[in-house]
Amino acid sequence: MEETPKYPMPDIHFNGTDPVALTEGYINIHRAISELELVINKSSFHSRDYYTLDYKKGENDDETWYNAFTSAKKERDKHLINLSEFKKYTEDHIMHIKHYDF
């Protein structure tokens, strides 16, 4: 059973936006998010680019050398989750609009 979105969905009616144009807009957004996710996943993201930040703060023992990278990864993951949620939002809209008979 599909989960009902917790946000309003557009109502397709004669005085509203053309449903084909509305659908195409959400498909274009969805496609752009998918492409962005590919670019992000192909980009370099490695602890070697962050460990010196801990050394500069004086946190250079074996237990704390990875703190800057861990923080950076958490921040990056937060944005990836937001992208994924926005992608799901567009999918919900596409499926909702497709249920109309136009």
N, C-alpha and C. Protein backbone atom coordinates (compact mmCIF):
# COMPACT_ATOMS: atom_id res chain seq x y z
N MET A 1 0.83 -1.18 0.00
CA MET A 1 0.00 0.00 0.00
C MET A 1 0.88 1.25 0.00
N GLU A 2 0.56 2.20 -0.88
CA GLU A 2 1.34 3.42 -0.97
C GLU A 2 1.02 4.36 0.18
N GLU A 3 2.06 5.03 0.64
CA GLU A 3 1.90 6.01 1.70
C GLU A 3 1.33 7.31 1.11
N THR A 4 0.37 7.90 1.79
CA THR A 4 -0.20 9.16 1.34
C THR A 4 0.74 10.29 1.73
N PRO A 5 1.11 11.14 0.76
CA PRO A 5 2.01 12.25 1.09
C PRO A 5 1.43 13.17 2.15
N LYS A 6 2.32 13.78 2.93
CA LYS A 6 1.90 14.66 4.02
C LYS A 6 1.87 16.12 3.58
N TYR A 7 1.76 16.33 2.29
CA TYR A 7 1.72 17.70 1.76
C TYR A 7 0.66 17.76 0.68
N PRO A 8 0.16 18.96 0.39
CA PRO A 8 -0.90 19.09 -0.61
C PRO A 8 -0.41 18.72 -2.00
N MET A 9 -1.29 18.13 -2.77
CA MET A 9 -1.00 17.78 -4.16
C MET A 9 -1.87 18.65 -5.06
N PRO A 10 -1.40 18.94 -6.26
CA PRO A 10 -2.19 19.79 -7.16
C PRO A 10 -3.50 19.13 -7.58
N ASP A 11 -4.49 19.96 -7.76
CA ASP A 11 -5.78 19.51 -8.25
C ASP A 11 -5.84 19.85 -9.74
N ILE A 12 -6.07 18.88 -10.56
CA ILE A 12 -6.15 19.09 -12.00
C ILE A 12 -7.58 19.51 -12.34
N HIS A 13 -7.71 20.71 -12.93
CA HIS A 13 -9.03 21.21 -13.31
C HIS A 13 -8.86 22.16 -14.49
N PHE A 14 -9.99 22.56 -15.10
CA PHE A 14 -9.97 23.35 -16.33
C PHE A 14 -9.30 24.71 -16.19
N ASN A 15 -9.33 25.29 -15.01
CA ASN A 15 -8.74 26.61 -14.82
C ASN A 15 -7.30 26.54 -14.31
N GLY A 16 -6.77 25.35 -14.18
CA GLY A 16 -5.41 25.18 -13.65
C GLY A 16 -4.37 24.97 -14.73
N THR A 17 -3.16 24.68 -14.31
CA THR A 17 -2.06 24.41 -15.23
C THR A 17 -2.34 23.15 -16.03
N ASP A 18 -1.98 23.17 -17.29
CA ASP A 18 -2.14 22.01 -18.15
C ASP A 18 -1.44 20.81 -17.49
N PRO A 19 -2.13 19.69 -17.32
CA PRO A 19 -1.54 18.54 -16.63
C PRO A 19 -0.30 17.99 -17.31
N VAL A 20 -0.23 18.08 -18.63
CA VAL A 20 0.96 17.59 -19.34
C VAL A 20 2.15 18.48 -18.98
N ALA A 21 1.95 19.79 -18.99
CA ALA A 21 3.02 20.72 -18.63
C ALA A 21 3.44 20.53 -17.18
N LEU A 22 2.47 20.32 -16.31
CA LEU A 22 2.74 20.10 -14.89
C LEU A 22 3.58 18.83 -14.71
N THR A 23 3.16 17.77 -15.38
CA THR A 23 3.90 16.51 -15.29
C THR A 23 5.32 16.66 -15.83
N GLU A 24 5.45 17.30 -16.98
CA GLU A 24 6.78 17.50 -17.58
C GLU A 24 7.69 18.29 -16.65
N GLY A 25 7.14 19.28 -15.97
CA GLY A 25 7.94 20.06 -15.02
C GLY A 25 8.50 19.19 -13.92
N TYR A 26 7.65 18.34 -13.34
CA TYR A 26 8.12 17.46 -12.27
C TYR A 26 9.08 16.39 -12.80
N ILE A 27 8.86 15.91 -14.00
CA ILE A 27 9.79 14.95 -14.59
C ILE A 27 11.15 15.60 -14.81
N ASN A 28 11.16 16.85 -15.28
CA ASN A 28 12.43 17.56 -15.48
C ASN A 28 13.18 17.77 -14.17
N ILE A 29 12.44 18.12 -13.12
CA ILE A 29 13.07 18.28 -11.81
C ILE A 29 13.64 16.94 -11.35
N HIS A 30 12.87 15.88 -11.49
CA HIS A 30 13.30 14.54 -11.08
C HIS A 30 14.57 14.14 -11.83
N ARG A 31 14.58 14.38 -13.12
CA ARG A 31 15.75 14.05 -13.95
C ARG A 31 16.98 14.84 -13.50
N ALA A 32 16.79 16.12 -13.20
CA ALA A 32 17.91 16.96 -12.76
C ALA A 32 18.48 16.48 -11.42
N ILE A 33 17.60 16.08 -10.51
CA ILE A 33 18.06 15.55 -9.22
C ILE A 33 18.84 14.26 -9.44
N SER A 34 18.35 13.39 -10.31
CA SER A 34 19.06 12.13 -10.60
C SER A 34 20.45 12.41 -11.16
N GLU A 35 20.53 13.38 -12.07
CA GLU A 35 21.84 13.74 -12.64
C GLU A 35 22.75 14.33 -11.57
N LEU A 36 22.21 15.16 -10.69
CA LEU A 36 23.00 15.74 -9.60
C LEU A 36 23.52 14.64 -8.68
N GLU A 37 22.68 13.66 -8.37
CA GLU A 37 23.11 12.55 -7.52
C GLU A 37 24.28 11.80 -8.16
N LEU A 38 24.23 11.60 -9.48
CA LEU A 38 25.34 10.95 -10.18
C LEU A 38 26.62 11.77 -10.08
N VAL A 39 26.51 13.06 -10.28
CA VAL A 39 27.69 13.94 -10.20
C VAL A 39 28.27 13.91 -8.79
N ILE A 40 27.42 13.98 -7.79
CA ILE A 40 27.89 13.94 -6.40
C ILE A 40 28.61 12.63 -6.13
N ASN A 41 28.03 11.52 -6.56
CA ASN A 41 28.64 10.22 -6.30
C ASN A 41 29.96 10.03 -7.04
N LYS A 42 30.14 10.73 -8.16
CA LYS A 42 31.40 10.63 -8.90
C LYS A 42 32.47 11.58 -8.36
N SER A 43 32.06 12.55 -7.55
CA SER A 43 33.02 13.53 -7.04
C SER A 43 33.90 12.91 -5.96
N SER A 44 35.08 13.47 -5.83
CA SER A 44 36.03 12.98 -4.83
C SER A 44 35.59 13.44 -3.44
N PHE A 45 35.55 12.51 -2.52
CA PHE A 45 35.23 12.82 -1.13
C PHE A 45 35.98 11.80 -0.29
N HIS A 46 37.08 12.24 0.33
CA HIS A 46 37.96 11.31 1.03
C HIS A 46 38.50 11.94 2.30
N SER A 47 38.75 11.13 3.30
CA SER A 47 39.25 11.61 4.59
C SER A 47 40.61 12.30 4.47
N ARG A 48 41.38 11.95 3.46
CA ARG A 48 42.71 12.57 3.30
C ARG A 48 42.62 14.08 3.08
N ASP A 49 41.46 14.55 2.69
CA ASP A 49 41.28 15.97 2.46
C ASP A 49 40.82 16.72 3.71
N TYR A 50 40.64 16.00 4.81
CA TYR A 50 40.12 16.61 6.04
C TYR A 50 40.98 16.38 7.27
N TYR A 51 41.83 15.37 7.28
CA TYR A 51 42.51 15.02 8.51
C TYR A 51 43.44 16.13 9.01
N THR A 52 43.97 16.95 8.11
CA THR A 52 44.87 18.02 8.55
C THR A 52 44.13 19.08 9.38
N LEU A 53 42.83 19.20 9.20
CA LEU A 53 42.06 20.16 9.99
C LEU A 53 42.11 19.82 11.47
N ASP A 54 42.07 18.52 11.80
CA ASP A 54 42.16 18.10 13.19
C ASP A 54 43.55 18.39 13.75
N TYR A 55 44.57 18.20 12.92
CA TYR A 55 45.93 18.49 13.38
C TYR A 55 46.11 19.97 13.67
N LYS A 56 45.50 20.81 12.85
CA LYS A 56 45.61 22.25 13.06
C LYS A 56 44.95 22.69 14.36
N LYS A 57 43.94 21.93 14.79
CA LYS A 57 43.26 22.25 16.05
C LYS A 57 43.96 21.59 17.24
N GLY A 58 45.00 20.82 17.00
CA GLY A 58 45.71 20.15 18.08
C GLY A 58 45.10 18.81 18.46
N GLU A 59 44.16 18.34 17.67
CA GLU A 59 43.51 17.05 17.95
C GLU A 59 44.17 15.99 17.08
N ASN A 60 45.39 15.63 17.39
CA ASN A 60 46.13 14.77 16.50
C ASN A 60 46.45 13.39 17.08
N ASP A 61 45.70 12.95 18.07
CA ASP A 61 45.93 11.59 18.53
C ASP A 61 45.13 10.61 17.67
N ASP A 62 45.36 9.34 17.87
CA ASP A 62 44.74 8.32 17.03
C ASP A 62 43.22 8.29 17.12
N GLU A 63 42.66 8.76 18.22
CA GLU A 63 41.22 8.71 18.41
C GLU A 63 40.48 9.86 17.73
N THR A 64 41.13 10.97 17.47
CA THR A 64 40.41 12.14 16.99
C THR A 64 40.84 12.61 15.60
N TRP A 65 41.75 11.94 14.95
CA TRP A 65 42.23 12.41 13.64
C TRP A 65 41.14 12.49 12.61
N TYR A 66 40.09 11.72 12.76
CA TYR A 66 39.02 11.66 11.76
C TYR A 66 37.83 12.54 12.09
N ASN A 67 37.88 13.37 13.10
CA ASN A 67 36.73 14.19 13.50
C ASN A 67 36.25 15.12 12.40
N ALA A 68 37.15 15.82 11.73
CA ALA A 68 36.75 16.76 10.69
C ALA A 68 36.06 16.02 9.54
N PHE A 69 36.61 14.89 9.14
CA PHE A 69 36.01 14.12 8.06
C PHE A 69 34.64 13.60 8.46
N THR A 70 34.51 13.12 9.68
CA THR A 70 33.23 12.62 10.17
C THR A 70 32.18 13.73 10.14
N SER A 71 32.56 14.91 10.58
CA SER A 71 31.64 16.05 10.54
C SER A 71 31.28 16.41 9.11
N ALA A 72 32.27 16.43 8.23
CA ALA A 72 32.01 16.75 6.82
C ALA A 72 31.10 15.70 6.19
N LYS A 73 31.32 14.44 6.53
CA LYS A 73 30.49 13.36 5.97
C LYS A 73 29.05 13.47 6.46
N LYS A 74 28.87 13.78 7.73
CA LYS A 74 27.52 13.96 8.27
C LYS A 74 26.80 15.09 7.54
N GLU A 75 27.51 16.19 7.29
CA GLU A 75 26.90 17.32 6.59
C GLU A 75 26.55 16.93 5.16
N ARG A 76 27.46 16.26 4.48
CA ARG A 76 27.21 15.82 3.10
C ARG A 76 26.03 14.86 3.05
N ASP A 77 26.00 13.91 3.98
CA ASP A 77 24.90 12.93 4.03
C ASP A 77 23.56 13.61 4.27
N LYS A 78 23.56 14.66 5.10
CA LYS A 78 22.32 15.40 5.36
C LYS A 78 21.77 15.98 4.06
N HIS A 79 22.65 16.53 3.24
CA HIS A 79 22.21 17.13 1.98
C HIS A 79 21.78 16.05 0.97
N LEU A 80 22.45 14.92 0.98
CA LEU A 80 22.04 13.82 0.10
C LEU A 80 20.66 13.30 0.48
N ILE A 81 20.40 13.24 1.78
CA ILE A 81 19.07 12.81 2.25
C ILE A 81 18.01 13.82 1.80
N ASN A 82 18.33 15.10 1.91
CA ASN A 82 17.38 16.13 1.46
C ASN A 82 17.11 16.02 -0.03
N LEU A 83 18.15 15.76 -0.81
CA LEU A 83 17.95 15.55 -2.25
C LEU A 83 17.04 14.36 -2.51
N SER A 84 17.29 13.28 -1.80
CA SER A 84 16.49 12.07 -1.96
C SER A 84 15.03 12.34 -1.60
N GLU A 85 14.81 13.11 -0.54
CA GLU A 85 13.44 13.43 -0.13
C GLU A 85 12.76 14.31 -1.18
N PHE A 86 13.50 15.25 -1.76
CA PHE A 86 12.91 16.09 -2.80
C PHE A 86 12.61 15.28 -4.06
N LYS A 87 13.47 14.32 -4.34
CA LYS A 87 13.23 13.42 -5.48
C LYS A 87 11.94 12.63 -5.26
N LYS A 88 11.74 12.14 -4.05
CA LYS A 88 10.52 11.41 -3.70
C LYS A 88 9.30 12.33 -3.83
N TYR A 89 9.45 13.58 -3.43
CA TYR A 89 8.40 14.58 -3.57
C TYR A 89 7.98 14.72 -5.03
N THR A 90 8.95 14.79 -5.95
CA THR A 90 8.61 14.90 -7.37
C THR A 90 7.94 13.62 -7.87
N GLU A 91 8.41 12.47 -7.40
CA GLU A 91 7.79 11.19 -7.79
C GLU A 91 6.33 11.14 -7.34
N ASP A 92 6.08 11.59 -6.11
CA ASP A 92 4.70 11.62 -5.60
C ASP A 92 3.81 12.49 -6.48
N HIS A 93 4.32 13.63 -6.89
CA HIS A 93 3.55 14.52 -7.74
C HIS A 93 3.29 13.91 -9.12
N ILE A 94 4.31 13.30 -9.69
CA ILE A 94 4.15 12.67 -11.00
C ILE A 94 3.08 11.59 -10.94
N MET A 95 3.16 10.73 -9.94
CA MET A 95 2.18 9.64 -9.81
C MET A 95 0.78 10.19 -9.54
N HIS A 96 0.69 11.23 -8.74
CA HIS A 96 -0.61 11.84 -8.43
C HIS A 96 -1.25 12.40 -9.70
N ILE A 97 -0.50 13.15 -10.47
CA ILE A 97 -1.04 13.77 -11.69
C ILE A 97 -1.43 12.70 -12.70
N LYS A 98 -0.67 11.63 -12.79
CA LYS A 98 -0.96 10.57 -13.76
C LYS A 98 -2.27 9.84 -13.44
N HIS A 99 -2.76 9.95 -12.21
CA HIS A 99 -4.03 9.31 -11.87
C HIS A 99 -5.23 10.03 -12.46
N TYR A 100 -5.02 11.25 -12.91
CA TYR A 100 -6.11 11.99 -13.55
C TYR A 100 -6.25 11.51 -15.00
N ASP A 101 -7.44 11.50 -15.47
CA ASP A 101 -7.72 11.10 -16.85
C ASP A 101 -7.77 12.34 -17.72
N PHE A 102 -6.65 12.61 -18.41
CA PHE A 102 -6.62 13.80 -19.27
C PHE A 102 -6.15 13.47 -20.66
